[in-house]
Amino acid sequence: MRTPKEGQKAFTADPGSLDAALNLARSHERMGRAEQAMEAYRHIARRWPTHIPARYLLGNVLKAQGRFDEAAD
């Protein structure tokens, strides 16, 4: 498991890496940093639009925050 700081360092070193981006998003989510996790998942969805798991994970974070309308999109 990576901390958000480690995840950010890995992502900064290789911003074109889907794995690094997912690790960053997941580390934020594990640490309870919902806003940062949502932004990271949104970045993944924009950068890799066919990556369905990132959209699913974003929806889960939105749902956990009670943002059901956004999660449904």
N, C-alpha and C. Protein backbone atom coordinates (compact mmCIF):
# COMPACT_ATOMS: atom_id res chain seq x y z
N MET A 1 0.83 -1.18 0.00
CA MET A 1 0.00 0.00 0.00
C MET A 1 0.87 1.25 0.00
N ARG A 2 0.48 2.17 -0.80
CA ARG A 2 1.20 3.44 -0.87
C ARG A 2 0.44 4.50 -0.10
N THR A 3 1.20 5.42 0.42
CA THR A 3 0.58 6.60 1.03
C THR A 3 0.30 7.58 -0.11
N PRO A 4 -0.56 8.58 0.12
CA PRO A 4 -0.78 9.58 -0.92
C PRO A 4 0.52 10.26 -1.36
N LYS A 5 1.42 10.49 -0.44
CA LYS A 5 2.70 11.13 -0.79
C LYS A 5 3.50 10.23 -1.73
N GLU A 6 3.56 8.94 -1.42
CA GLU A 6 4.27 7.99 -2.28
C GLU A 6 3.58 7.87 -3.64
N GLY A 7 2.26 7.86 -3.61
CA GLY A 7 1.49 7.78 -4.85
C GLY A 7 1.71 9.00 -5.73
N GLN A 8 1.74 10.17 -5.10
CA GLN A 8 1.98 11.40 -5.86
C GLN A 8 3.38 11.40 -6.47
N LYS A 9 4.35 10.92 -5.72
CA LYS A 9 5.72 10.86 -6.21
C LYS A 9 5.81 9.93 -7.42
N ALA A 10 5.17 8.77 -7.33
CA ALA A 10 5.18 7.82 -8.45
C ALA A 10 4.45 8.40 -9.66
N PHE A 11 3.33 9.07 -9.43
CA PHE A 11 2.57 9.65 -10.52
C PHE A 11 3.34 10.80 -11.17
N THR A 12 4.01 11.61 -10.36
CA THR A 12 4.81 12.71 -10.90
C THR A 12 5.96 12.18 -11.74
N ALA A 13 6.54 11.07 -11.31
CA ALA A 13 7.65 10.47 -12.05
C ALA A 13 7.18 9.90 -13.38
N ASP A 14 5.94 9.43 -13.45
CA ASP A 14 5.42 8.83 -14.68
C ASP A 14 3.95 9.20 -14.85
N PRO A 15 3.66 10.45 -15.24
CA PRO A 15 2.27 10.89 -15.34
C PRO A 15 1.46 10.18 -16.43
N GLY A 16 2.13 9.46 -17.30
CA GLY A 16 1.43 8.71 -18.33
C GLY A 16 1.08 7.30 -17.91
N SER A 17 1.34 6.96 -16.66
CA SER A 17 1.09 5.62 -16.16
C SER A 17 -0.29 5.52 -15.52
N LEU A 18 -1.12 4.69 -16.10
CA LEU A 18 -2.44 4.43 -15.53
C LEU A 18 -2.30 3.81 -14.15
N ASP A 19 -1.37 2.89 -13.99
CA ASP A 19 -1.18 2.25 -12.68
C ASP A 19 -0.82 3.27 -11.61
N ALA A 20 0.07 4.20 -11.94
CA ALA A 20 0.46 5.23 -10.97
C ALA A 20 -0.72 6.12 -10.62
N ALA A 21 -1.52 6.46 -11.62
CA ALA A 21 -2.70 7.30 -11.37
C ALA A 21 -3.71 6.57 -10.49
N LEU A 22 -3.94 5.30 -10.77
CA LEU A 22 -4.87 4.52 -9.95
C LEU A 22 -4.36 4.36 -8.52
N ASN A 23 -3.08 4.11 -8.37
CA ASN A 23 -2.51 4.00 -7.03
C ASN A 23 -2.68 5.29 -6.24
N LEU A 24 -2.49 6.42 -6.91
CA LEU A 24 -2.67 7.71 -6.24
C LEU A 24 -4.12 7.87 -5.80
N ALA A 25 -5.05 7.61 -6.70
CA ALA A 25 -6.47 7.75 -6.37
C ALA A 25 -6.86 6.82 -5.22
N ARG A 26 -6.42 5.59 -5.29
CA ARG A 26 -6.76 4.62 -4.24
C ARG A 26 -6.14 4.99 -2.90
N SER A 27 -4.93 5.53 -2.93
CA SER A 27 -4.30 5.91 -1.66
C SER A 27 -5.07 7.06 -1.02
N HIS A 28 -5.52 8.01 -1.83
CA HIS A 28 -6.35 9.09 -1.27
C HIS A 28 -7.64 8.52 -0.68
N GLU A 29 -8.25 7.61 -1.40
CA GLU A 29 -9.51 7.02 -0.93
C GLU A 29 -9.30 6.28 0.39
N ARG A 30 -8.25 5.47 0.48
CA ARG A 30 -7.97 4.73 1.72
C ARG A 30 -7.73 5.65 2.90
N MET A 31 -7.14 6.81 2.64
CA MET A 31 -6.84 7.75 3.72
C MET A 31 -8.04 8.64 4.07
N GLY A 32 -9.17 8.42 3.39
CA GLY A 32 -10.36 9.20 3.68
C GLY A 32 -10.36 10.58 3.04
N ARG A 33 -9.54 10.77 2.04
CA ARG A 33 -9.44 12.05 1.33
C ARG A 33 -10.32 11.99 0.08
N ALA A 34 -11.62 12.11 0.31
CA ALA A 34 -12.60 11.89 -0.76
C ALA A 34 -12.42 12.89 -1.91
N GLU A 35 -12.26 14.16 -1.61
CA GLU A 35 -12.14 15.16 -2.68
C GLU A 35 -10.93 14.89 -3.57
N GLN A 36 -9.80 14.56 -2.95
CA GLN A 36 -8.59 14.26 -3.72
C GLN A 36 -8.77 12.97 -4.53
N ALA A 37 -9.42 11.98 -3.94
CA ALA A 37 -9.68 10.73 -4.65
C ALA A 37 -10.58 10.98 -5.85
N MET A 38 -11.63 11.77 -5.66
CA MET A 38 -12.54 12.06 -6.77
C MET A 38 -11.81 12.79 -7.89
N GLU A 39 -10.99 13.75 -7.55
CA GLU A 39 -10.23 14.47 -8.57
C GLU A 39 -9.28 13.52 -9.31
N ALA A 40 -8.64 12.64 -8.60
CA ALA A 40 -7.74 11.68 -9.24
C ALA A 40 -8.50 10.73 -10.16
N TYR A 41 -9.66 10.23 -9.72
CA TYR A 41 -10.46 9.36 -10.58
C TYR A 41 -10.99 10.13 -11.79
N ARG A 42 -11.37 11.38 -11.60
CA ARG A 42 -11.81 12.20 -12.75
C ARG A 42 -10.67 12.40 -13.75
N HIS A 43 -9.47 12.61 -13.24
CA HIS A 43 -8.31 12.75 -14.12
C HIS A 43 -8.14 11.47 -14.96
N ILE A 44 -8.26 10.33 -14.31
CA ILE A 44 -8.12 9.05 -15.01
C ILE A 44 -9.20 8.93 -16.08
N ALA A 45 -10.43 9.28 -15.73
CA ALA A 45 -11.54 9.18 -16.68
C ALA A 45 -11.33 10.09 -17.89
N ARG A 46 -10.74 11.26 -17.67
CA ARG A 46 -10.45 12.16 -18.80
C ARG A 46 -9.28 11.64 -19.64
N ARG A 47 -8.24 11.18 -18.97
CA ARG A 47 -7.01 10.76 -19.66
C ARG A 47 -7.19 9.41 -20.35
N TRP A 48 -7.92 8.51 -19.71
CA TRP A 48 -8.17 7.17 -20.25
C TRP A 48 -9.68 6.94 -20.27
N PRO A 49 -10.38 7.55 -21.23
CA PRO A 49 -11.86 7.52 -21.21
C PRO A 49 -12.49 6.13 -21.32
N THR A 50 -11.75 5.15 -21.78
CA THR A 50 -12.33 3.81 -21.88
C THR A 50 -12.06 2.96 -20.63
N HIS A 51 -11.39 3.54 -19.65
CA HIS A 51 -11.08 2.78 -18.42
C HIS A 51 -12.30 2.82 -17.49
N ILE A 52 -13.15 1.83 -17.61
CA ILE A 52 -14.40 1.76 -16.86
C ILE A 52 -14.19 1.64 -15.35
N PRO A 53 -13.21 0.88 -14.86
CA PRO A 53 -13.05 0.77 -13.41
C PRO A 53 -12.86 2.12 -12.71
N ALA A 54 -12.19 3.06 -13.33
CA ALA A 54 -12.01 4.38 -12.69
C ALA A 54 -13.35 5.08 -12.53
N ARG A 55 -14.21 4.95 -13.53
CA ARG A 55 -15.54 5.57 -13.43
C ARG A 55 -16.37 4.89 -12.33
N TYR A 56 -16.25 3.59 -12.24
CA TYR A 56 -16.95 2.84 -11.20
C TYR A 56 -16.46 3.27 -9.81
N LEU A 57 -15.15 3.35 -9.65
CA LEU A 57 -14.58 3.75 -8.35
C LEU A 57 -14.95 5.19 -8.00
N LEU A 58 -14.97 6.07 -9.00
CA LEU A 58 -15.42 7.44 -8.76
C LEU A 58 -16.87 7.43 -8.27
N GLY A 59 -17.69 6.65 -8.92
CA GLY A 59 -19.09 6.54 -8.50
C GLY A 59 -19.22 6.05 -7.06
N ASN A 60 -18.39 5.12 -6.67
CA ASN A 60 -18.42 4.61 -5.29
C ASN A 60 -18.06 5.71 -4.29
N VAL A 61 -17.05 6.51 -4.61
CA VAL A 61 -16.65 7.59 -3.71
C VAL A 61 -17.77 8.63 -3.63
N LEU A 62 -18.34 8.98 -4.78
CA LEU A 62 -19.44 9.95 -4.79
C LEU A 62 -20.62 9.42 -3.97
N LYS A 63 -20.95 8.16 -4.14
CA LYS A 63 -22.05 7.55 -3.39
C LYS A 63 -21.77 7.60 -1.89
N ALA A 64 -20.54 7.29 -1.49
CA ALA A 64 -20.17 7.32 -0.07
C ALA A 64 -20.28 8.73 0.52
N GLN A 65 -20.15 9.73 -0.34
CA GLN A 65 -20.27 11.12 0.10
C GLN A 65 -21.71 11.63 0.04
N GLY A 66 -22.63 10.74 -0.37
CA GLY A 66 -24.03 11.12 -0.46
C GLY A 66 -24.36 11.93 -1.71
N ARG A 67 -23.48 11.90 -2.68
CA ARG A 67 -23.66 12.67 -3.91
C ARG A 67 -24.22 11.73 -4.99
N PHE A 68 -25.46 11.28 -4.74
CA PHE A 68 -26.06 10.24 -5.56
C PHE A 68 -26.32 10.66 -7.00
N ASP A 69 -26.74 11.90 -7.20
CA ASP A 69 -27.01 12.37 -8.57
C ASP A 69 -25.75 12.34 -9.41
N GLU A 70 -24.64 12.80 -8.84
CA GLU A 70 -23.37 12.78 -9.55
C GLU A 70 -22.91 11.35 -9.79
N ALA A 71 -23.12 10.50 -8.81
CA ALA A 71 -22.69 9.10 -8.94
C ALA A 71 -23.46 8.40 -10.06
N ALA A 72 -24.71 8.78 -10.26
CA ALA A 72 -25.52 8.17 -11.30
C ALA A 72 -25.06 8.55 -12.69
N ASP A 73 -24.38 9.69 -12.80
CA ASP A 73 -23.89 10.12 -14.12
C ASP A 73 -22.73 9.27 -14.46
